Amino acid sequence: MTPPDSVLEARRACILRATASQAYVVEKTGRNDHPQIYEYFRVAGFPNAKSWDWHGRAWCGVFVYWAAKECGCVLPKGNYAMVLTWQNLKSFRLLPGEIPKPADVVTYKPYSHVEYVNIWPPDPRKLFFYADGGNTGGSVKTQIMVLRRKADVKTVIRIVR
């Protein structure tokens, strides 16, 4: 049974508030060296991330997962540190013609990054949309302007349902 629209909209707003609340998270040396980054990994099921070699810790996926869990989204089991896991949520993908909503998840080609849609203009002539994400230049950023070409956007996933 699908929750009422008011519940879904509240969950979408919660996700965008959660992402905005993390704008203080900035890597000091570009080596994932902010304690909150390890909290994202912990929530995603990786309690020992701090001991990993820093080269292998892209954290955009665990940031998206953290915000989803903060706001009560239910996701299947998976390794949400990997962008490919997000892209493989086939039953969550938008159908052709559906317009992305705030807090939908967007992934890019080729398996490189995942973040939240903040604003997606419904007019297809608009070349850009706005996103909120982690590990964008070593920090959390909101209202990032992103080119909306089909060559760049791989999938849009609706996790608020």
C-alpha atoms as a PDB file:
ATOM      1  CA  MET A   1       0.000   0.000   0.000  1.00  0.00           C
ATOM      2  CA  THR A   2       1.398   3.372  -1.029  1.00  0.00           C
ATOM      3  CA  PRO A   3       1.526   6.045   1.688  1.00  0.00           C
ATOM      4  CA  PRO A   4      -0.551   9.211   1.114  1.00  0.00           C
ATOM      5  CA  ASP A   5       1.013  11.976  -0.976  1.00  0.00           C
ATOM      6  CA  SER A   6       1.463  14.135   2.131  1.00  0.00           C
ATOM      7  CA  VAL A   7       3.687  11.448   3.696  1.00  0.00           C
ATOM      8  CA  LEU A   8       5.709  11.069   0.500  1.00  0.00           C
ATOM      9  CA  GLU A   9       6.180  14.834   0.164  1.00  0.00           C
ATOM     10  CA  ALA A  10       7.249  15.065   3.817  1.00  0.00           C
ATOM     11  CA  ARG A  11       9.821  12.313   3.212  1.00  0.00           C
ATOM     12  CA  ARG A  12      11.140  14.120   0.115  1.00  0.00           C
ATOM     13  CA  ALA A  13      11.469  17.340   2.117  1.00  0.00           C
ATOM     14  CA  CYS A  14      13.203  15.417   4.912  1.00  0.00           C
ATOM     15  CA  ILE A  15      15.832  14.099   2.481  1.00  0.00           C
ATOM     16  CA  LEU A  16      16.591  17.560   1.107  1.00  0.00           C
ATOM     17  CA  ARG A  17      16.817  18.956   4.661  1.00  0.00           C
ATOM     18  CA  ALA A  18      19.136  16.098   5.625  1.00  0.00           C
ATOM     19  CA  THR A  19      21.448  16.764   2.678  1.00  0.00           C
ATOM     20  CA  ALA A  20      21.478  20.510   3.354  1.00  0.00           C
ATOM     21  CA  SER A  21      22.282  19.865   7.027  1.00  0.00           C
ATOM     22  CA  GLN A  22      25.561  18.257   5.974  1.00  0.00           C
ATOM     23  CA  ALA A  23      26.970  21.248   4.071  1.00  0.00           C
ATOM     24  CA  TYR A  24      29.646  21.571   6.776  1.00  0.00           C
ATOM     25  CA  VAL A  25      31.224  18.244   5.713  1.00  0.00           C
ATOM     26  CA  VAL A  26      34.422  19.091   3.833  1.00  0.00           C
ATOM     27  CA  GLU A  27      37.473  16.874   3.450  1.00  0.00           C
ATOM     28  CA  LYS A  28      40.507  18.665   4.906  1.00  0.00           C
ATOM     29  CA  THR A  29      43.128  16.976   2.729  1.00  0.00           C
ATOM     30  CA  GLY A  30      41.062  15.205   0.062  1.00  0.00           C
ATOM     31  CA  ARG A  31      41.439  11.875   1.870  1.00  0.00           C
ATOM     32  CA  ASN A  32      37.907  11.412   3.216  1.00  0.00           C
ATOM     33  CA  ASP A  33      39.168  12.931   6.460  1.00  0.00           C
ATOM     34  CA  HIS A  34      36.012  14.261   8.032  1.00  0.00           C
ATOM     35  CA  PRO A  35      34.464  12.174  10.843  1.00  0.00           C
ATOM     36  CA  GLN A  36      30.940  12.499   9.419  1.00  0.00           C
ATOM     37  CA  ILE A  37      32.022  10.641   6.273  1.00  0.00           C
ATOM     38  CA  TYR A  38      32.700   7.591   8.440  1.00  0.00           C
ATOM     39  CA  GLU A  39      29.181   7.938   9.874  1.00  0.00           C
ATOM     40  CA  TYR A  40      27.750   7.670   6.336  1.00  0.00           C
ATOM     41  CA  PHE A  41      29.770   4.473   5.829  1.00  0.00           C
ATOM     42  CA  ARG A  42      28.690   3.095   9.236  1.00  0.00           C
ATOM     43  CA  VAL A  43      24.987   3.613   8.476  1.00  0.00           C
ATOM     44  CA  ALA A  44      25.493   1.877   5.112  1.00  0.00           C
ATOM     45  CA  GLY A  45      26.972  -1.188   6.855  1.00  0.00           C
ATOM     46  CA  PHE A  46      30.688  -0.401   6.763  1.00  0.00           C
ATOM     47  CA  PRO A  47      31.739   0.203  10.398  1.00  0.00           C
ATOM     48  CA  ASN A  48      35.476  -0.178   9.656  1.00  0.00           C
ATOM     49  CA  ALA A  49      35.757   2.287   6.768  1.00  0.00           C
ATOM     50  CA  LYS A  50      38.206   4.473   8.686  1.00  0.00           C
ATOM     51  CA  SER A  51      40.817   1.705   8.483  1.00  0.00           C
ATOM     52  CA  TRP A  52      40.560   1.350   4.695  1.00  0.00           C
ATOM     53  CA  ASP A  53      43.141   2.706   2.271  1.00  0.00           C
ATOM     54  CA  TRP A  54      41.855   6.197   1.455  1.00  0.00           C
ATOM     55  CA  HIS A  55      42.167   5.700  -2.314  1.00  0.00           C
ATOM     56  CA  GLY A  56      39.143   3.389  -2.403  1.00  0.00           C
ATOM     57  CA  ARG A  57      36.582   5.368  -0.455  1.00  0.00           C
ATOM     58  CA  ALA A  58      34.291   7.218  -2.786  1.00  0.00           C
ATOM     59  CA  TRP A  59      31.421   8.242  -0.525  1.00  0.00           C
ATOM     60  CA  CYS A  60      28.693   9.666  -2.765  1.00  0.00           C
ATOM     61  CA  GLY A  61      26.671   6.432  -2.554  1.00  0.00           C
ATOM     62  CA  VAL A  62      26.842   6.085   1.219  1.00  0.00           C
ATOM     63  CA  PHE A  63      25.880   9.753   1.589  1.00  0.00           C
ATOM     64  CA  VAL A  64      22.724   9.175  -0.481  1.00  0.00           C
ATOM     65  CA  TYR A  65      22.005   6.025   1.546  1.00  0.00           C
ATOM     66  CA  TRP A  66      22.530   7.884   4.851  1.00  0.00           C
ATOM     67  CA  ALA A  67      19.994  10.596   3.913  1.00  0.00           C
ATOM     68  CA  ALA A  68      17.483   7.960   2.766  1.00  0.00           C
ATOM     69  CA  LYS A  69      17.762   6.089   6.065  1.00  0.00           C
ATOM     70  CA  GLU A  70      17.558   9.318   8.094  1.00  0.00           C
ATOM     71  CA  CYS A  71      14.165   9.876   6.498  1.00  0.00           C
ATOM     72  CA  GLY A  72      12.738   6.368   6.752  1.00  0.00           C
ATOM     73  CA  CYS A  73      13.174   5.107   3.192  1.00  0.00           C
ATOM     74  CA  VAL A  74      13.210   1.327   2.833  1.00  0.00           C
ATOM     75  CA  LEU A  75      15.746  -0.069   0.377  1.00  0.00           C
ATOM     76  CA  PRO A  76      16.660  -3.653  -0.509  1.00  0.00           C
ATOM     77  CA  LYS A  77      19.919  -5.057   0.862  1.00  0.00           C
ATOM     78  CA  GLY A  78      22.965  -4.039  -1.119  1.00  0.00           C
ATOM     79  CA  ASN A  79      26.355  -2.382  -1.199  1.00  0.00           C
ATOM     80  CA  TYR A  80      25.208   1.228  -1.455  1.00  0.00           C
ATOM     81  CA  ALA A  81      28.774   2.512  -1.554  1.00  0.00           C
ATOM     82  CA  MET A  82      28.783   1.408  -5.199  1.00  0.00           C
ATOM     83  CA  VAL A  83      27.020   3.526  -7.809  1.00  0.00           C
ATOM     84  CA  LEU A  84      26.269   0.316  -9.699  1.00  0.00           C
ATOM     85  CA  THR A  85      24.072  -0.856  -6.800  1.00  0.00           C
ATOM     86  CA  TRP A  86      21.933   2.265  -7.194  1.00  0.00           C
ATOM     87  CA  GLN A  87      21.751   1.778 -10.961  1.00  0.00           C
ATOM     88  CA  ASN A  88      20.632  -1.826 -10.500  1.00  0.00           C
ATOM     89  CA  LEU A  89      17.494  -0.840  -8.532  1.00  0.00           C
ATOM     90  CA  LYS A  90      15.460  -1.546 -11.662  1.00  0.00           C
ATOM     91  CA  SER A  91      12.048  -1.645  -9.994  1.00  0.00           C
ATOM     92  CA  PHE A  92      12.748   1.837  -8.582  1.00  0.00           C
ATOM     93  CA  ARG A  93      13.652   3.443 -11.930  1.00  0.00           C
ATOM     94  CA  LEU A  94      11.460   6.096 -13.463  1.00  0.00           C
ATOM     95  CA  LEU A  95       9.574   5.047 -16.551  1.00  0.00           C
ATOM     96  CA  PRO A  96      10.041   6.926 -19.827  1.00  0.00           C
ATOM     97  CA  GLY A  97       8.096  10.173 -19.686  1.00  0.00           C
ATOM     98  CA  GLU A  98       8.061  10.417 -15.874  1.00  0.00           C
ATOM     99  CA  ILE A  99       9.473  13.696 -14.583  1.00  0.00           C
ATOM    100  CA  PRO A 100      11.984  13.437 -11.736  1.00  0.00           C
ATOM    101  CA  LYS A 101      10.906  14.898  -8.407  1.00  0.00           C
ATOM    102  CA  PRO A 102      12.957  16.355  -5.565  1.00  0.00           C
ATOM    103  CA  ALA A 103      14.788  13.587  -3.646  1.00  0.00           C
ATOM    104  CA  ASP A 104      14.778  11.187  -6.585  1.00  0.00           C
ATOM    105  CA  VAL A 105      18.226   9.663  -7.002  1.00  0.00           C
ATOM    106  CA  VAL A 106      20.209  10.336 -10.168  1.00  0.00           C
ATOM    107  CA  THR A 107      23.224   8.375 -11.397  1.00  0.00           C
ATOM    108  CA  TYR A 108      25.631   9.318 -14.138  1.00  0.00           C
ATOM    109  CA  LYS A 109      27.545   7.499 -16.862  1.00  0.00           C
ATOM    110  CA  PRO A 110      29.760   5.507 -16.606  1.00  0.00           C
ATOM    111  CA  TYR A 111      29.081   4.323 -13.030  1.00  0.00           C
ATOM    112  CA  SER A 112      30.722   7.414 -11.655  1.00  0.00           C
ATOM    113  CA  HIS A 113      28.477   9.335  -9.272  1.00  0.00           C
ATOM    114  CA  VAL A 114      25.118   9.307  -7.472  1.00  0.00           C
ATOM    115  CA  GLU A 115      23.208  12.159  -5.819  1.00  0.00           C
ATOM    116  CA  TYR A 116      19.733  13.565  -5.217  1.00  0.00           C
ATOM    117  CA  VAL A 117      17.647  15.631  -7.605  1.00  0.00           C
ATOM    118  CA  ASN A 118      16.839  18.959  -5.942  1.00  0.00           C
ATOM    119  CA  ILE A 119      15.100  20.708  -8.851  1.00  0.00           C
ATOM    120  CA  TRP A 120      14.324  19.142 -12.242  1.00  0.00           C
ATOM    121  CA  PRO A 121      12.637  21.648 -14.577  1.00  0.00           C
ATOM    122  CA  PRO A 122       9.790  19.853 -16.402  1.00  0.00           C
ATOM    123  CA  ASP A 123      10.540  21.811 -19.597  1.00  0.00           C
ATOM    124  CA  PRO A 124      12.909  19.560 -21.624  1.00  0.00           C
ATOM    125  CA  ARG A 125      14.412  22.664 -23.258  1.00  0.00           C
ATOM    126  CA  LYS A 126      16.011  23.560 -19.924  1.00  0.00           C
ATOM    127  CA  LEU A 127      19.576  22.302 -20.176  1.00  0.00           C
ATOM    128  CA  PHE A 128      20.294  21.987 -16.463  1.00  0.00           C
ATOM    129  CA  PHE A 129      18.853  20.514 -13.291  1.00  0.00           C
ATOM    130  CA  TYR A 130      19.984  21.004  -9.705  1.00  0.00           C
ATOM    131  CA  ALA A 131      21.286  18.271  -7.426  1.00  0.00           C
ATOM    132  CA  ASP A 132      22.432  17.694  -3.836  1.00  0.00           C
ATOM    133  CA  GLY A 133      25.265  15.275  -3.233  1.00  0.00           C
ATOM    134  CA  GLY A 134      28.248  14.153  -1.253  1.00  0.00           C
ATOM    135  CA  ASN A 135      31.838  13.746  -2.422  1.00  0.00           C
ATOM    136  CA  THR A 136      31.414  16.505  -4.974  1.00  0.00           C
ATOM    137  CA  GLY A 137      34.795  18.192  -4.878  1.00  0.00           C
ATOM    138  CA  GLY A 138      35.474  16.557  -1.500  1.00  0.00           C
ATOM    139  CA  SER A 139      32.424  17.978   0.251  1.00  0.00           C
ATOM    140  CA  VAL A 140      28.650  17.986   0.530  1.00  0.00           C
ATOM    141  CA  LYS A 141      27.095  20.464  -1.880  1.00  0.00           C
ATOM    142  CA  THR A 142      23.521  21.501  -2.502  1.00  0.00           C
ATOM    143  CA  GLN A 143      21.875  23.083  -5.537  1.00  0.00           C
ATOM    144  CA  ILE A 144      24.688  21.939  -7.861  1.00  0.00           C
ATOM    145  CA  MET A 145      23.872  22.867 -11.465  1.00  0.00           C
ATOM    146  CA  VAL A 146      24.150  19.718 -13.631  1.00  0.00           C
ATOM    147  CA  LEU A 147      23.903  19.396 -17.408  1.00  0.00           C
ATOM    148  CA  ARG A 148      20.883  17.236 -18.181  1.00  0.00           C
ATOM    149  CA  ARG A 149      22.086  15.577 -21.406  1.00  0.00           C
ATOM    150  CA  LYS A 150      21.121  11.954 -21.986  1.00  0.00           C
ATOM    151  CA  ALA A 151      24.815  11.274 -22.522  1.00  0.00           C
ATOM    152  CA  ASP A 152      25.503  12.119 -18.863  1.00  0.00           C
ATOM    153  CA  VAL A 153      22.466  10.997 -16.836  1.00  0.00           C
ATOM    154  CA  LYS A 154      22.277   7.203 -16.637  1.00  0.00           C
ATOM    155  CA  THR A 155      19.283   6.527 -14.384  1.00  0.00           C
ATOM    156  CA  VAL A 156      16.783   8.312 -12.192  1.00  0.00           C
ATOM    157  CA  ILE A 157      15.513   6.255  -9.274  1.00  0.00           C
ATOM    158  CA  ARG A 158      12.478   6.951  -7.080  1.00  0.00           C
ATOM    159  CA  ILE A 159      13.247   5.725  -3.547  1.00  0.00           C
ATOM    160  CA  VAL A 160      10.492   7.735  -1.850  1.00  0.00           C
ATOM    161  CA  ARG A 161       7.445   5.481  -2.305  1.00  0.00           C
END
